[in-house]
Amino acid sequence: KIVYEKVDLAERLNFPLLFPIEDDLYVDTRKSLWRVLKENIINKNITLIYNANNDNFKELLTYDQAMSSIKITKNYGDELEPDYQDVEITSADITGYYLKGMWYFDKRQGEMKYRLLGLMPVGKNLKDDDGKNNTDLFWIWYPSSRKILHKEQVFNDKNNANRISFDQLLVSRRFSSFIYKEDNVYG
């Protein structure tokens, strides 16, 4: 069965996905999930990015379309003296994630297992003038980014000796979420 879940980053159990929210504070050692995703999208390591309106991974976005969701140039001046500045989404602007996953029964081991298929960040809408409205950014095909997320370590404020990767955290489901939709074979 395919289920769609919402991960709210305001919940305490989901803080390892959110923190550290200051992207410039830790340069190489600690990163939030959004910072890892954003850096690898900018560096073209994650290329399977799909339109947020279609959760069946049919409409592949180009690099420029994906970058328009992450970073835009805004004019903060007037018509006579334009002041163009680049504005990009930071870790503090991300409020949650949508996950698409599949629960299946493994006959050989005799247990229910979960396979994560897609990940969609939810954050500040850069095209909105006041920036108060959140928007779904894009779907990321999870199997294509799994090796990248396996290399990056999760921020653990309780025990630095017991570190896990983002891939281990997501696949072992060490987060709090709620199911908002499931696939129905009958339509």
C-alpha atoms as a PDB file:
ATOM      1  CA  LYS A   1       0.000   0.000   0.000  1.00  0.00           C
ATOM      2  CA  ILE A   2       1.327   3.430  -0.899  1.00  0.00           C
ATOM      3  CA  VAL A   3       0.896   6.100   1.773  1.00  0.00           C
ATOM      4  CA  TYR A   4       1.555   9.824   1.851  1.00  0.00           C
ATOM      5  CA  GLU A   5       2.767  11.337   5.113  1.00  0.00           C
ATOM      6  CA  LYS A   6       3.392  14.824   6.465  1.00  0.00           C
ATOM      7  CA  VAL A   7       6.408  15.412   8.699  1.00  0.00           C
ATOM      8  CA  ASP A   8       5.979  18.577  10.760  1.00  0.00           C
ATOM      9  CA  LEU A   9       9.341  20.062  11.765  1.00  0.00           C
ATOM     10  CA  ALA A  10       7.778  21.873  14.726  1.00  0.00           C
ATOM     11  CA  GLU A  11       7.478  18.544  16.555  1.00  0.00           C
ATOM     12  CA  ARG A  12      10.331  17.760  18.904  1.00  0.00           C
ATOM     13  CA  LEU A  13      10.964  14.264  17.534  1.00  0.00           C
ATOM     14  CA  ASN A  14      11.628  15.766  14.079  1.00  0.00           C
ATOM     15  CA  PHE A  15      14.289  18.244  15.246  1.00  0.00           C
ATOM     16  CA  PRO A  16      17.164  16.146  13.811  1.00  0.00           C
ATOM     17  CA  LEU A  17      15.738  16.874  10.339  1.00  0.00           C
ATOM     18  CA  LEU A  18      15.519  20.604  11.070  1.00  0.00           C
ATOM     19  CA  PHE A  19      18.606  21.624  13.029  1.00  0.00           C
ATOM     20  CA  PRO A  20      20.955  23.420  12.704  1.00  0.00           C
ATOM     21  CA  ILE A  21      18.792  26.100  11.095  1.00  0.00           C
ATOM     22  CA  GLU A  22      21.646  28.572  10.640  1.00  0.00           C
ATOM     23  CA  ASP A  23      23.264  27.351   7.436  1.00  0.00           C
ATOM     24  CA  ASP A  24      26.419  29.428   7.905  1.00  0.00           C
ATOM     25  CA  LEU A  25      27.096  28.322  11.491  1.00  0.00           C
ATOM     26  CA  TYR A  26      28.555  24.887  10.786  1.00  0.00           C
ATOM     27  CA  VAL A  27      30.343  24.884   7.471  1.00  0.00           C
ATOM     28  CA  ASP A  28      31.244  21.225   6.981  1.00  0.00           C
ATOM     29  CA  THR A  29      30.358  19.244  10.078  1.00  0.00           C
ATOM     30  CA  ARG A  30      26.632  19.582  10.750  1.00  0.00           C
ATOM     31  CA  LYS A  31      23.854  20.190   8.280  1.00  0.00           C
ATOM     32  CA  SER A  32      20.082  20.110   8.220  1.00  0.00           C
ATOM     33  CA  LEU A  33      18.282  17.881   5.730  1.00  0.00           C
ATOM     34  CA  TRP A  34      17.301  20.907   3.632  1.00  0.00           C
ATOM     35  CA  ARG A  35      20.880  22.156   3.450  1.00  0.00           C
ATOM     36  CA  VAL A  36      22.091  18.740   2.259  1.00  0.00           C
ATOM     37  CA  LEU A  37      19.365  18.599  -0.389  1.00  0.00           C
ATOM     38  CA  LYS A  38      19.893  22.199  -1.523  1.00  0.00           C
ATOM     39  CA  GLU A  39      23.681  21.893  -1.836  1.00  0.00           C
ATOM     40  CA  ASN A  40      23.396  18.711  -3.885  1.00  0.00           C
ATOM     41  CA  ILE A  41      20.705  20.159  -6.146  1.00  0.00           C
ATOM     42  CA  ILE A  42      22.868  23.234  -6.782  1.00  0.00           C
ATOM     43  CA  ASN A  43      25.916  21.012  -7.464  1.00  0.00           C
ATOM     44  CA  LYS A  44      23.766  18.836  -9.802  1.00  0.00           C
ATOM     45  CA  ASN A  45      24.278  15.687  -7.735  1.00  0.00           C
ATOM     46  CA  ILE A  46      20.502  15.319  -7.301  1.00  0.00           C
ATOM     47  CA  THR A  47      18.880  15.534 -10.716  1.00  0.00           C
ATOM     48  CA  LEU A  48      15.635  13.562 -10.418  1.00  0.00           C
ATOM     49  CA  ILE A  49      13.427  16.429  -9.253  1.00  0.00           C
ATOM     50  CA  TYR A  50       9.744  16.405 -10.147  1.00  0.00           C
ATOM     51  CA  ASN A  51       6.878  18.870 -10.177  1.00  0.00           C
ATOM     52  CA  ALA A  52       5.126  19.299  -6.813  1.00  0.00           C
ATOM     53  CA  ASN A  53       1.679  19.061  -8.420  1.00  0.00           C
ATOM     54  CA  ASN A  54       2.232  15.477  -9.582  1.00  0.00           C
ATOM     55  CA  ASP A  55       3.130  12.870  -6.968  1.00  0.00           C
ATOM     56  CA  ASN A  56       3.514  10.104  -9.565  1.00  0.00           C
ATOM     57  CA  PHE A  57       6.944  11.400 -10.646  1.00  0.00           C
ATOM     58  CA  LYS A  58       5.902  12.099 -14.233  1.00  0.00           C
ATOM     59  CA  GLU A  59       6.906  15.752 -14.811  1.00  0.00           C
ATOM     60  CA  LEU A  60      10.685  16.016 -14.480  1.00  0.00           C
ATOM     61  CA  LEU A  61      11.889  19.542 -13.744  1.00  0.00           C
ATOM     62  CA  THR A  62      14.888  21.068 -15.469  1.00  0.00           C
ATOM     63  CA  TYR A  63      17.780  22.425 -13.438  1.00  0.00           C
ATOM     64  CA  ASP A  64      16.595  26.025 -13.964  1.00  0.00           C
ATOM     65  CA  GLN A  65      13.040  25.204 -12.892  1.00  0.00           C
ATOM     66  CA  ALA A  66      14.307  23.553  -9.706  1.00  0.00           C
ATOM     67  CA  MET A  67      16.601  26.501  -8.994  1.00  0.00           C
ATOM     68  CA  SER A  68      13.690  28.946  -9.355  1.00  0.00           C
ATOM     69  CA  SER A  69      12.080  27.238  -6.342  1.00  0.00           C
ATOM     70  CA  ILE A  70      15.298  27.510  -4.309  1.00  0.00           C
ATOM     71  CA  LYS A  71      16.649  30.928  -5.291  1.00  0.00           C
ATOM     72  CA  ILE A  72      15.256  34.017  -7.052  1.00  0.00           C
ATOM     73  CA  THR A  73      16.404  37.581  -7.634  1.00  0.00           C
ATOM     74  CA  LYS A  74      14.169  40.272  -6.124  1.00  0.00           C
ATOM     75  CA  ASN A  75      14.133  44.020  -6.540  1.00  0.00           C
ATOM     76  CA  TYR A  76      14.092  45.768  -3.164  1.00  0.00           C
ATOM     77  CA  GLY A  77      14.442  49.235  -4.656  1.00  0.00           C
ATOM     78  CA  ASP A  78      12.142  51.322  -6.811  1.00  0.00           C
ATOM     79  CA  GLU A  79      11.962  51.959 -10.544  1.00  0.00           C
ATOM     80  CA  LEU A  80      14.558  54.735 -10.469  1.00  0.00           C
ATOM     81  CA  GLU A  81      17.093  52.950  -8.272  1.00  0.00           C
ATOM     82  CA  PRO A  82      16.678  49.184  -8.529  1.00  0.00           C
ATOM     83  CA  ASP A  83      18.326  47.070  -5.849  1.00  0.00           C
ATOM     84  CA  TYR A  84      18.504  43.451  -7.005  1.00  0.00           C
ATOM     85  CA  GLN A  85      19.370  40.831  -4.414  1.00  0.00           C
ATOM     86  CA  ASP A  86      19.403  37.052  -4.508  1.00  0.00           C
ATOM     87  CA  VAL A  87      16.990  35.471  -2.035  1.00  0.00           C
ATOM     88  CA  GLU A  88      17.196  31.778  -1.309  1.00  0.00           C
ATOM     89  CA  ILE A  89      15.386  29.394   0.992  1.00  0.00           C
ATOM     90  CA  THR A  90      17.353  28.569   4.126  1.00  0.00           C
ATOM     91  CA  SER A  91      16.882  25.778   6.640  1.00  0.00           C
ATOM     92  CA  ALA A  92      14.881  28.130   8.876  1.00  0.00           C
ATOM     93  CA  ASP A  93      12.329  28.597   6.061  1.00  0.00           C
ATOM     94  CA  ILE A  94      11.493  24.885   5.763  1.00  0.00           C
ATOM     95  CA  THR A  95       8.468  23.895   7.866  1.00  0.00           C
ATOM     96  CA  GLY A  96       8.003  20.256   6.941  1.00  0.00           C
ATOM     97  CA  TYR A  97       8.308  17.443   4.446  1.00  0.00           C
ATOM     98  CA  TYR A  98       5.885  15.268   2.571  1.00  0.00           C
ATOM     99  CA  LEU A  99       6.889  11.644   2.148  1.00  0.00           C
ATOM    100  CA  LYS A 100       5.623   9.065  -0.293  1.00  0.00           C
ATOM    101  CA  GLY A 101       6.342   5.506   0.720  1.00  0.00           C
ATOM    102  CA  MET A 102       5.220   1.963   0.186  1.00  0.00           C
ATOM    103  CA  TRP A 103       4.400  -0.585   2.867  1.00  0.00           C
ATOM    104  CA  TYR A 104       4.830  -4.154   1.659  1.00  0.00           C
ATOM    105  CA  PHE A 105       4.976  -7.629   3.139  1.00  0.00           C
ATOM    106  CA  ASP A 106       8.298  -9.424   2.771  1.00  0.00           C
ATOM    107  CA  LYS A 107       7.339 -13.103   2.450  1.00  0.00           C
ATOM    108  CA  ARG A 108      10.864 -14.394   2.906  1.00  0.00           C
ATOM    109  CA  GLN A 109      11.420 -12.673   6.259  1.00  0.00           C
ATOM    110  CA  GLY A 110       7.751 -12.658   7.238  1.00  0.00           C
ATOM    111  CA  GLU A 111       7.476  -8.987   8.174  1.00  0.00           C
ATOM    112  CA  MET A 112       6.085  -5.668   7.014  1.00  0.00           C
ATOM    113  CA  LYS A 113       8.687  -3.362   5.488  1.00  0.00           C
ATOM    114  CA  TYR A 114       8.692   0.236   4.329  1.00  0.00           C
ATOM    115  CA  ARG A 115      10.299   1.678   1.198  1.00  0.00           C
ATOM    116  CA  LEU A 116      10.601   5.443   0.849  1.00  0.00           C
ATOM    117  CA  LEU A 117       9.857   6.593  -2.702  1.00  0.00           C
ATOM    118  CA  GLY A 118       9.726  10.379  -2.596  1.00  0.00           C
ATOM    119  CA  LEU A 119      10.506  13.386  -0.445  1.00  0.00           C
ATOM    120  CA  MET A 120       9.063  16.890  -0.853  1.00  0.00           C
ATOM    121  CA  PRO A 121      10.198  19.904   1.191  1.00  0.00           C
ATOM    122  CA  VAL A 122       7.568  22.436   2.263  1.00  0.00           C
ATOM    123  CA  GLY A 123       8.804  25.963   2.822  1.00  0.00           C
ATOM    124  CA  LYS A 124       8.562  29.655   2.201  1.00  0.00           C
ATOM    125  CA  ASN A 125       7.165  30.741  -1.141  1.00  0.00           C
ATOM    126  CA  LEU A 126       9.812  32.994  -2.684  1.00  0.00           C
ATOM    127  CA  LYS A 127       7.413  34.316  -5.322  1.00  0.00           C
ATOM    128  CA  ASP A 128       5.048  35.567  -2.623  1.00  0.00           C
ATOM    129  CA  ASP A 129       5.715  39.204  -1.691  1.00  0.00           C
ATOM    130  CA  ASP A 130       5.500  38.923   2.083  1.00  0.00           C
ATOM    131  CA  GLY A 131       6.900  35.362   2.258  1.00  0.00           C
ATOM    132  CA  LYS A 132       4.370  34.247   4.867  1.00  0.00           C
ATOM    133  CA  ASN A 133       2.691  31.537   2.790  1.00  0.00           C
ATOM    134  CA  ASN A 134       4.260  28.107   2.596  1.00  0.00           C
ATOM    135  CA  THR A 135       4.375  26.138  -0.615  1.00  0.00           C
ATOM    136  CA  ASP A 136       5.283  22.660  -1.762  1.00  0.00           C
ATOM    137  CA  LEU A 137       8.636  22.992  -3.493  1.00  0.00           C
ATOM    138  CA  PHE A 138       9.223  19.815  -5.537  1.00  0.00           C
ATOM    139  CA  TRP A 139       9.344  16.039  -5.258  1.00  0.00           C
ATOM    140  CA  ILE A 140      12.738  14.353  -5.041  1.00  0.00           C
ATOM    141  CA  TRP A 141      12.946  10.725  -6.143  1.00  0.00           C
ATOM    142  CA  TYR A 142      14.388   9.232  -2.966  1.00  0.00           C
ATOM    143  CA  PRO A 143      16.292   6.215  -4.408  1.00  0.00           C
ATOM    144  CA  SER A 144      18.381   8.610  -6.537  1.00  0.00           C
ATOM    145  CA  SER A 145      19.462  10.667  -3.511  1.00  0.00           C
ATOM    146  CA  ARG A 146      19.940   7.795  -1.096  1.00  0.00           C
ATOM    147  CA  LYS A 147      23.741   7.518  -1.487  1.00  0.00           C
ATOM    148  CA  ILE A 148      24.126  11.240  -0.880  1.00  0.00           C
ATOM    149  CA  LEU A 149      21.964  11.180   2.247  1.00  0.00           C
ATOM    150  CA  HIS A 150      23.847   8.143   3.542  1.00  0.00           C
ATOM    151  CA  LYS A 151      27.103  10.153   3.611  1.00  0.00           C
ATOM    152  CA  GLU A 152      25.669  13.043   5.637  1.00  0.00           C
ATOM    153  CA  GLN A 153      25.370  12.688   9.415  1.00  0.00           C
ATOM    154  CA  VAL A 154      22.336  13.751  11.460  1.00  0.00           C
ATOM    155  CA  PHE A 155      22.767  16.448  14.090  1.00  0.00           C
ATOM    156  CA  ASN A 156      22.425  14.748  17.490  1.00  0.00           C
ATOM    157  CA  ASP A 157      22.441  17.114  20.458  1.00  0.00           C
ATOM    158  CA  LYS A 158      22.274  14.330  23.041  1.00  0.00           C
ATOM    159  CA  ASN A 159      25.150  12.058  22.006  1.00  0.00           C
ATOM    160  CA  ASN A 160      27.855  12.894  19.473  1.00  0.00           C
ATOM    161  CA  ALA A 161      29.301   9.381  19.672  1.00  0.00           C
ATOM    162  CA  ASN A 162      26.089   7.814  18.365  1.00  0.00           C
ATOM    163  CA  ARG A 163      25.702   9.393  14.927  1.00  0.00           C
ATOM    164  CA  ILE A 164      23.486   8.100  12.132  1.00  0.00           C
ATOM    165  CA  SER A 165      22.981   9.262   8.570  1.00  0.00           C
ATOM    166  CA  PHE A 166      19.899  10.937   7.121  1.00  0.00           C
ATOM    167  CA  ASP A 167      19.254   7.798   5.081  1.00  0.00           C
ATOM    168  CA  GLN A 168      19.271   5.624   8.198  1.00  0.00           C
ATOM    169  CA  LEU A 169      16.977   8.055   9.998  1.00  0.00           C
ATOM    170  CA  LEU A 170      14.419   8.159   7.171  1.00  0.00           C
ATOM    171  CA  VAL A 171      14.455   4.464   6.267  1.00  0.00           C
ATOM    172  CA  SER A 172      14.243   3.314   9.897  1.00  0.00           C
ATOM    173  CA  ARG A 173      11.419   5.855  10.391  1.00  0.00           C
ATOM    174  CA  ARG A 174      12.894   7.708  13.376  1.00  0.00           C
ATOM    175  CA  PHE A 175      10.531  10.641  12.935  1.00  0.00           C
ATOM    176  CA  SER A 176       6.979  11.607  13.757  1.00  0.00           C
ATOM    177  CA  SER A 177       4.461  11.903  10.929  1.00  0.00           C
ATOM    178  CA  PHE A 178       0.815  11.479  10.093  1.00  0.00           C
ATOM    179  CA  ILE A 179      -0.766   9.887   7.049  1.00  0.00           C
ATOM    180  CA  TYR A 180      -2.863  12.338   5.070  1.00  0.00           C
ATOM    181  CA  LYS A 181      -3.544  10.198   1.983  1.00  0.00           C
ATOM    182  CA  GLU A 182      -3.232   6.644   0.734  1.00  0.00           C
ATOM    183  CA  ASP A 183      -3.598   5.079  -2.672  1.00  0.00           C
ATOM    184  CA  ASN A 184      -6.938   3.502  -3.381  1.00  0.00           C
ATOM    185  CA  VAL A 185      -7.034   0.830  -6.071  1.00  0.00           C
ATOM    186  CA  TYR A 186     -10.744   1.443  -6.558  1.00  0.00           C
ATOM    187  CA  GLY A 187     -10.301   5.120  -7.416  1.00  0.00           C
END
